Amino acid sequence: MNAPANPPPKIRVLVVDDSAVMRRAITTTLAKDPRIEVAGTANNGRAALDALTLVRPDVVTLDIEMPEMDGLAVLREIRKTHPRLPVIMFSLLTQRGTQATILALTAGASDYVSKPTDLSNLGDAFRCLENELIPKVKMFGEQVLAQREAAAQIKPAPAPTAVTAFSRPGGIRRGTIEAVCVGVSTGGPMALVQLFAAWADPLTVPLLIVQHMPPNFTALLAQRLTSAGVMDVLEGQDGDVVEPGRAYLAPGGRHMEVVRTDGVTLLRITDEPPENSCRPAADVLFRSATKVYGGGLLGVVLSGMGSDGLKGCQAIRARGGNILVQDEATSVVWGMPGAVASAGLADAVLPLGEIPAEILRVTRPRLNF
């Protein structure tokens, strides 16, 4: 008889929350999935930092509002020693909770889950956690386990392929770009902060962004991005005039398009059905922008789950525009940029740290002497 195969390792989770009721709700929910193991719990931030070395988790769930040391402070400490460890934040969707969540996402949190507001109804609370938390824990945990297994292989890692790091011969010609459209999702707030913080001067073209987020989040994200750099970042409003040197962020829960009327480029905000289960959707923005800017459009696809942006990049390529995507190594999730790169649509696949300089290079006007 053949010996039974070793079962795959479970995803080890550290649960951090000052509420005993919430810790119990989270651990009970996670225990329902056979791929997940609650490796430890902590009731405050300092205990969480101590538990990291003892528990060695694959994923951390972290409450934002805790006494003594809040979740944001804990996250910053985690990132000093564990820059790639997935951390899923928990917060109430109050104004204060939303602000704290935005700060956490831009400081390196992998994702967030909204806390159930009515813990007296445990059935509803468990269903909320099952639907929101388990898929995210499994997605991040499977990534960690796959990376660990690959690192443990005896054979040396293969050299980077054309999908993971490359540029087309000649690259994108400087001075040919009239507008930049960005599509981003999971891991996006942190990536966008790095983008805006890297520029010493505003771009000479408009920058239009779709970040997958619900209502109320995007106005706060726009404020955070404005404070991170030198460009004004506005949450898009219907009828806004699109101007060079400004960035426009699609409002949460609504699509954003660009249209040209009587020679003036305007934003159009709509409630059309979701695409790719997303609203706002990068595909909607990208398609509309190709009609306005044609071959002068640069599409940028950063970290995110799913494939939103792929069809939009096909439209950009069909009109002669250019496409830049983030590489796998620096993406929190390489779903969106990976789909574009794997389809052979990208002019360049670059680490996040190189993308701001490339955008700046291709949007600078050419000098004629």
Protein backbone atom coordinates (compact mmCIF):
# COMPACT_ATOMS: atom_id res chain seq x y z
CA MET A 1 0.00 0.00 0.00
CA ASN A 2 1.13 3.53 -0.74
CA ALA A 3 1.87 5.64 2.30
CA PRO A 4 -0.71 8.40 2.80
CA ALA A 5 0.41 11.76 1.47
CA ASN A 6 1.31 14.37 4.02
CA PRO A 7 -1.57 16.82 4.47
CA PRO A 8 -0.79 20.35 3.31
CA PRO A 9 0.27 22.73 6.09
CA LYS A 10 -2.43 24.87 7.59
CA ILE A 11 -2.49 28.66 7.46
CA ARG A 12 -1.43 29.86 10.92
CA VAL A 13 -3.27 32.95 12.14
CA LEU A 14 -2.54 35.27 15.07
CA VAL A 15 -5.73 36.99 16.26
CA VAL A 16 -5.24 40.33 18.04
CA ASP A 17 -8.21 42.08 19.68
CA ASP A 18 -8.77 43.58 23.12
CA SER A 19 -12.36 42.30 23.22
CA ALA A 20 -12.71 38.71 24.49
CA VAL A 21 -16.07 38.43 22.70
CA MET A 22 -14.53 39.52 19.40
CA ARG A 23 -11.52 37.22 19.79
CA ARG A 24 -13.87 34.32 20.40
CA ALA A 25 -16.03 35.25 17.38
CA ILE A 26 -12.96 35.45 15.10
CA THR A 27 -11.35 32.23 16.35
CA THR A 28 -14.64 30.31 16.15
CA THR A 29 -15.18 31.52 12.60
CA LEU A 30 -11.66 30.67 11.43
CA ALA A 31 -11.84 27.22 13.03
CA LYS A 32 -14.65 26.32 10.64
CA ASP A 33 -12.24 26.16 7.72
CA PRO A 34 -9.97 23.07 7.66
CA ARG A 35 -7.16 25.01 5.95
CA ILE A 36 -6.86 27.51 8.82
CA GLU A 37 -5.40 27.13 12.29
CA VAL A 38 -5.61 29.80 14.99
CA ALA A 39 -2.03 29.61 16.24
CA GLY A 40 -2.42 32.20 18.96
CA THR A 41 -4.34 35.19 20.30
CA ALA A 42 -3.35 38.46 21.97
CA ASN A 43 -5.47 40.95 23.89
CA ASN A 44 -3.29 44.01 23.36
CA GLY A 45 -0.64 45.39 21.05
CA ARG A 46 2.40 44.62 23.15
CA ALA A 47 1.29 41.03 23.64
CA ALA A 48 0.83 40.79 19.86
CA LEU A 49 4.42 41.86 19.19
CA ASP A 50 5.70 39.33 21.74
CA ALA A 51 3.57 36.60 20.13
CA LEU A 52 5.02 37.16 16.65
CA THR A 53 8.27 35.32 17.41
CA LEU A 54 6.55 32.62 19.45
CA VAL A 55 3.65 31.88 17.12
CA ARG A 56 5.32 32.61 13.75
CA PRO A 57 1.99 33.28 12.03
CA ASP A 58 1.31 33.30 8.30
CA VAL A 59 -1.41 35.95 8.70
CA VAL A 60 -2.30 38.43 11.47
CA THR A 61 -5.75 39.88 12.16
CA LEU A 62 -5.32 43.15 14.02
CA ASP A 63 -7.89 45.33 15.75
CA ILE A 64 -7.33 49.04 15.11
CA GLU A 65 -8.78 50.48 18.32
CA MET A 66 -7.04 49.01 21.37
CA PRO A 67 -5.88 50.56 24.66
CA GLU A 68 -2.22 50.92 25.59
CA MET A 69 -0.94 50.40 22.02
CA ASP A 70 -3.38 50.77 19.16
CA GLY A 71 -3.43 48.72 15.99
CA LEU A 72 -1.75 51.39 13.89
CA ALA A 73 1.24 51.53 16.24
CA VAL A 74 1.42 47.73 16.28
CA LEU A 75 1.31 47.63 12.48
CA ARG A 76 4.22 50.06 12.21
CA GLU A 77 6.26 47.90 14.57
CA ILE A 78 5.38 44.74 12.64
CA ARG A 79 6.49 46.32 9.37
CA LYS A 80 9.94 47.04 10.84
CA THR A 81 10.65 43.33 11.35
CA HIS A 82 8.11 41.60 9.07
CA PRO A 83 7.71 43.76 5.96
CA ARG A 84 5.83 41.10 3.97
CA LEU A 85 3.69 39.46 6.68
CA PRO A 86 -0.01 39.79 5.70
CA VAL A 87 -1.89 41.92 8.23
CA ILE A 88 -5.68 42.26 7.99
CA MET A 89 -7.08 45.16 10.00
CA PHE A 90 -10.40 45.14 11.85
CA SER A 91 -12.31 48.35 12.43
CA LEU A 92 -15.80 49.74 12.86
CA LEU A 93 -16.99 51.70 9.84
CA THR A 94 -17.49 54.88 11.83
CA GLN A 95 -15.89 58.14 10.70
CA ARG A 96 -13.08 57.62 13.20
CA GLY A 97 -12.72 53.94 12.25
CA THR A 98 -12.63 54.75 8.55
CA GLN A 99 -9.90 57.36 9.06
CA ALA A 100 -7.85 54.88 11.08
CA THR A 101 -8.33 52.21 8.40
CA ILE A 102 -7.06 54.54 5.67
CA LEU A 103 -4.00 55.35 7.78
CA ALA A 104 -3.40 51.64 8.31
CA LEU A 105 -3.78 50.76 4.63
CA THR A 106 -1.36 53.50 3.60
CA ALA A 107 1.09 52.38 6.32
CA GLY A 108 1.31 48.83 5.00
CA ALA A 109 -1.79 46.88 6.09
CA SER A 110 -2.60 44.21 3.51
CA ASP A 111 -6.39 44.61 3.72
CA TYR A 112 -9.21 45.30 6.15
CA VAL A 113 -12.46 43.74 7.37
CA SER A 114 -15.31 45.69 8.92
CA LYS A 115 -16.20 44.59 12.44
CA PRO A 116 -19.70 43.20 13.00
CA THR A 117 -21.60 45.96 14.78
CA ASP A 118 -24.11 43.73 16.59
CA LEU A 119 -22.31 41.04 18.57
CA SER A 120 -25.54 40.26 20.44
CA ASN A 121 -26.68 38.48 17.27
CA LEU A 122 -23.84 35.98 16.96
CA GLY A 123 -25.37 34.23 13.95
CA ASP A 124 -25.21 37.39 11.86
CA ALA A 125 -21.76 38.21 13.22
CA PHE A 126 -20.40 34.78 12.27
CA ARG A 127 -21.89 35.03 8.77
CA CYS A 128 -20.31 38.48 8.31
CA LEU A 129 -16.91 37.17 9.39
CA GLU A 130 -17.19 34.02 7.25
CA ASN A 131 -18.02 36.03 4.14
CA GLU A 132 -15.40 38.73 4.64
CA LEU A 133 -12.57 37.28 6.69
CA ILE A 134 -12.06 33.66 5.66
CA PRO A 135 -11.54 34.39 1.91
CA LYS A 136 -8.93 37.05 2.69
CA VAL A 137 -7.08 34.89 5.24
CA LYS A 138 -6.97 32.03 2.73
CA MET A 139 -5.84 34.23 -0.16
CA PHE A 140 -2.95 35.77 1.78
CA GLY A 141 -2.12 32.55 3.62
CA GLU A 142 -1.92 30.46 0.46
CA GLN A 143 0.48 33.04 -0.99
CA VAL A 144 2.71 32.80 2.06
CA LEU A 145 2.73 28.97 2.01
CA ALA A 146 3.47 28.88 -1.73
CA GLN A 147 6.37 31.31 -1.33
CA ARG A 148 7.74 29.28 1.58
CA GLU A 149 7.52 26.06 -0.40
CA ALA A 150 9.26 27.64 -3.39
CA ALA A 151 12.04 28.97 -1.15
CA ALA A 152 12.55 25.51 0.32
CA GLN A 153 13.21 23.89 -3.05
CA ILE A 154 16.80 22.74 -3.57
CA LYS A 155 16.99 23.99 -7.15
CA PRO A 156 18.02 27.64 -7.52
CA ALA A 157 15.27 30.05 -8.40
CA PRO A 158 14.92 30.66 -12.15
CA ALA A 159 16.04 33.96 -13.59
CA PRO A 160 13.30 36.60 -13.96
CA THR A 161 11.10 35.94 -16.98
CA ALA A 162 9.64 38.40 -19.44
CA VAL A 163 6.44 38.36 -17.40
CA THR A 164 8.02 39.33 -14.08
CA ALA A 165 10.48 42.04 -15.13
CA PHE A 166 10.97 43.49 -18.58
CA SER A 167 10.60 46.52 -20.84
CA ARG A 168 9.82 46.54 -24.54
CA PRO A 169 12.74 47.59 -26.74
CA GLY A 170 12.87 51.36 -26.87
CA GLY A 171 10.42 51.71 -24.00
CA ILE A 172 7.76 54.40 -23.86
CA ARG A 173 8.80 57.52 -25.74
CA ARG A 174 9.15 60.63 -23.60
CA GLY A 175 6.70 63.44 -24.26
CA THR A 176 4.04 61.29 -25.94
CA ILE A 177 1.78 60.88 -22.90
CA GLU A 178 -1.19 63.24 -22.43
CA ALA A 179 -2.83 61.54 -19.41
CA VAL A 180 -2.19 58.71 -16.95
CA CYS A 181 -4.87 56.28 -15.73
CA VAL A 182 -4.17 54.03 -12.73
CA GLY A 183 -6.08 50.91 -11.70
CA VAL A 184 -5.35 49.40 -8.28
CA SER A 185 -7.00 47.34 -5.56
CA THR A 186 -5.60 45.22 -2.69
CA GLY A 187 -2.36 46.82 -1.53
CA GLY A 188 -3.24 49.97 -3.45
CA PRO A 189 -3.32 52.68 -0.77
CA MET A 190 0.26 51.95 0.26
CA ALA A 191 1.38 51.78 -3.38
CA LEU A 192 -0.33 55.09 -4.17
CA VAL A 193 1.33 56.81 -1.21
CA GLN A 194 4.73 55.67 -2.49
CA LEU A 195 3.82 56.99 -5.93
CA PHE A 196 2.82 60.48 -4.78
CA ALA A 197 5.58 60.78 -2.18
CA ALA A 198 8.23 60.16 -4.85
CA TRP A 199 7.38 63.19 -7.01
CA ALA A 200 9.05 66.50 -6.21
CA ASP A 201 6.79 68.38 -8.65
CA PRO A 202 3.26 67.76 -9.94
CA LEU A 203 2.96 65.84 -13.18
CA THR A 204 2.47 67.89 -16.33
CA VAL A 205 -0.58 65.78 -17.29
CA PRO A 206 -3.79 64.71 -15.50
CA LEU A 207 -3.71 61.56 -13.35
CA LEU A 208 -6.93 59.53 -13.02
CA ILE A 209 -7.20 56.73 -10.46
CA VAL A 210 -9.55 53.86 -9.71
CA GLN A 211 -8.91 52.29 -6.30
CA HIS A 212 -11.43 49.62 -5.36
CA MET A 213 -13.04 51.04 -2.22
CA PRO A 214 -16.51 51.54 -0.77
CA PRO A 215 -18.15 54.95 -0.23
CA ASN A 216 -16.73 57.22 2.49
CA PHE A 217 -13.22 55.80 2.13
CA THR A 218 -12.08 57.55 -1.03
CA ALA A 219 -12.50 61.14 0.19
CA LEU A 220 -10.23 60.31 3.13
CA LEU A 221 -7.77 58.51 0.86
CA ALA A 222 -7.64 61.55 -1.44
CA GLN A 223 -6.75 63.73 1.57
CA ARG A 224 -4.06 61.27 2.65
CA LEU A 225 -2.50 61.17 -0.83
CA THR A 226 -2.53 64.97 -1.07
CA SER A 227 -0.67 65.19 2.25
CA ALA A 228 1.86 62.58 1.08
CA GLY A 229 3.18 64.58 -1.86
CA VAL A 230 2.97 67.75 -3.92
CA MET A 231 -0.05 67.01 -6.14
CA ASP A 232 -3.64 67.86 -5.28
CA VAL A 233 -5.69 64.66 -5.21
CA LEU A 234 -9.43 65.19 -5.52
CA GLU A 235 -12.28 62.75 -5.11
CA GLY A 236 -13.88 63.00 -8.54
CA GLN A 237 -17.19 64.84 -8.87
CA ASP A 238 -19.50 64.76 -11.85
CA GLY A 239 -18.65 67.63 -14.20
CA ASP A 240 -15.17 68.32 -12.81
CA VAL A 241 -12.83 69.79 -15.43
CA VAL A 242 -9.79 67.51 -15.85
CA GLU A 243 -6.64 69.61 -15.53
CA PRO A 244 -2.91 68.86 -15.87
CA GLY A 245 -1.03 68.58 -12.61
CA ARG A 246 -4.02 67.28 -10.67
CA ALA A 247 -5.07 63.78 -9.68
CA TYR A 248 -8.67 62.55 -9.61
CA LEU A 249 -9.72 59.54 -7.52
CA ALA A 250 -12.92 57.70 -8.43
CA PRO A 251 -15.49 58.01 -5.62
CA GLY A 252 -16.13 54.79 -3.73
CA GLY A 253 -19.05 52.78 -5.03
CA ARG A 254 -19.37 54.75 -8.31
CA HIS A 255 -17.80 54.53 -11.77
CA MET A 256 -15.64 57.38 -13.08
CA GLU A 257 -15.25 58.17 -16.78
CA VAL A 258 -13.71 61.00 -18.81
CA VAL A 259 -15.53 62.68 -21.69
CA ARG A 260 -14.63 65.57 -23.98
CA THR A 261 -17.31 68.20 -24.64
CA ASP A 262 -16.65 71.28 -26.79
CA GLY A 263 -12.92 70.74 -26.41
CA VAL A 264 -13.08 70.49 -22.59
CA THR A 265 -12.31 67.22 -20.78
CA LEU A 266 -14.72 66.47 -17.95
CA LEU A 267 -15.38 63.72 -15.41
CA ARG A 268 -18.58 61.77 -15.58
CA ILE A 269 -19.62 59.88 -12.42
CA THR A 270 -22.22 57.14 -12.93
CA ASP A 271 -24.03 54.36 -11.12
CA GLU A 272 -23.91 51.90 -14.01
CA PRO A 273 -23.75 48.20 -13.00
CA PRO A 274 -20.46 46.87 -11.57
CA GLU A 275 -17.88 45.38 -13.93
CA ASN A 276 -15.63 42.55 -12.73
CA SER A 277 -17.75 42.75 -9.54
CA CYS A 278 -16.24 46.23 -9.04
CA ARG A 279 -17.65 49.74 -8.87
CA PRO A 280 -15.62 51.79 -9.50
CA ALA A 281 -13.92 49.65 -12.15
CA ALA A 282 -10.62 50.37 -13.86
CA ASP A 283 -11.96 48.95 -17.14
CA VAL A 284 -14.68 51.63 -17.23
CA LEU A 285 -12.18 54.45 -16.69
CA PHE A 286 -9.60 53.04 -19.11
CA ARG A 287 -12.11 52.55 -21.94
CA SER A 288 -13.48 56.06 -21.63
CA ALA A 289 -9.98 57.57 -21.47
CA THR A 290 -8.93 55.88 -24.73
CA LYS A 291 -11.75 57.74 -26.50
CA VAL A 292 -10.43 61.07 -25.22
CA TYR A 293 -6.64 60.59 -25.30
CA GLY A 294 -6.15 57.78 -27.86
CA GLY A 295 -2.48 56.91 -28.25
CA GLY A 296 -1.53 59.59 -25.72
CA LEU A 297 -2.84 57.53 -22.79
CA LEU A 298 -0.63 55.65 -20.31
CA GLY A 299 -2.42 52.90 -18.38
CA VAL A 300 -0.82 51.84 -15.09
CA VAL A 301 -1.98 48.71 -13.26
CA LEU A 302 -0.77 48.23 -9.70
CA SER A 303 -1.30 45.61 -6.98
CA GLY A 304 -4.76 44.10 -6.83
CA MET A 305 -6.86 40.95 -6.79
CA GLY A 306 -8.77 39.80 -9.87
CA SER A 307 -8.39 41.00 -13.44
CA ASP A 308 -10.01 44.44 -13.50
CA GLY A 309 -8.03 46.58 -15.95
CA LEU A 310 -7.29 43.78 -18.42
CA LYS A 311 -10.04 44.68 -20.91
CA GLY A 312 -9.29 48.35 -20.45
CA CYS A 313 -5.63 47.71 -21.29
CA GLN A 314 -6.70 45.84 -24.40
CA ALA A 315 -8.58 48.99 -25.44
CA ILE A 316 -5.55 51.16 -24.67
CA ARG A 317 -3.29 48.91 -26.74
CA ALA A 318 -5.80 48.91 -29.65
CA ARG A 319 -5.67 52.72 -29.76
CA GLY A 320 -1.85 52.84 -29.66
CA GLY A 321 -1.48 53.81 -25.99
CA ASN A 322 1.11 52.52 -23.55
CA ILE A 323 0.84 50.26 -20.50
CA LEU A 324 2.96 49.94 -17.37
CA VAL A 325 2.39 47.34 -14.63
CA GLN A 326 3.81 46.54 -11.20
CA ASP A 327 5.91 43.38 -10.88
CA GLU A 328 4.98 40.35 -8.80
CA ALA A 329 7.71 40.71 -6.19
CA THR A 330 6.50 44.13 -4.98
CA SER A 331 2.73 43.54 -5.35
CA VAL A 332 0.64 42.58 -2.34
CA VAL A 333 -1.49 40.59 -4.81
CA TRP A 334 -0.36 40.10 -8.42
CA GLY A 335 -3.83 39.50 -9.84
CA MET A 336 -4.60 42.68 -11.79
CA PRO A 337 -1.05 43.49 -12.97
CA GLY A 338 -0.33 39.80 -13.55
CA ALA A 339 -3.33 39.42 -15.85
CA VAL A 340 -2.14 42.34 -18.00
CA ALA A 341 1.49 41.16 -18.05
CA SER A 342 0.53 37.56 -18.87
CA ALA A 343 -1.58 38.80 -21.80
CA GLY A 344 1.54 40.45 -23.27
CA LEU A 345 0.03 43.94 -23.12
CA ALA A 346 2.60 45.72 -20.94
CA ASP A 347 5.35 47.95 -22.28
CA ALA A 348 7.13 47.54 -18.96
CA VAL A 349 6.78 45.40 -15.83
CA LEU A 350 8.62 47.18 -13.03
CA PRO A 351 9.10 47.11 -9.25
CA LEU A 352 6.90 49.64 -7.48
CA GLY A 353 9.96 51.70 -6.53
CA GLU A 354 10.80 52.33 -10.21
CA ILE A 355 7.30 53.22 -11.39
CA PRO A 356 7.14 56.87 -10.18
CA ALA A 357 10.34 57.77 -12.03
CA GLU A 358 9.13 56.05 -15.20
CA ILE A 359 5.81 57.91 -15.11
CA LEU A 360 7.67 61.17 -14.56
CA ARG A 361 10.07 60.42 -17.42
CA VAL A 362 7.42 59.65 -20.03
CA THR A 363 5.16 62.57 -19.09
CA ARG A 364 7.89 65.22 -19.25
CA PRO A 365 7.70 67.28 -22.42
CA ARG A 366 10.42 66.63 -24.98
CA LEU A 367 12.87 69.48 -25.38
CA ASN A 368 13.40 70.71 -28.92
CA PHE A 369 16.64 72.57 -29.65
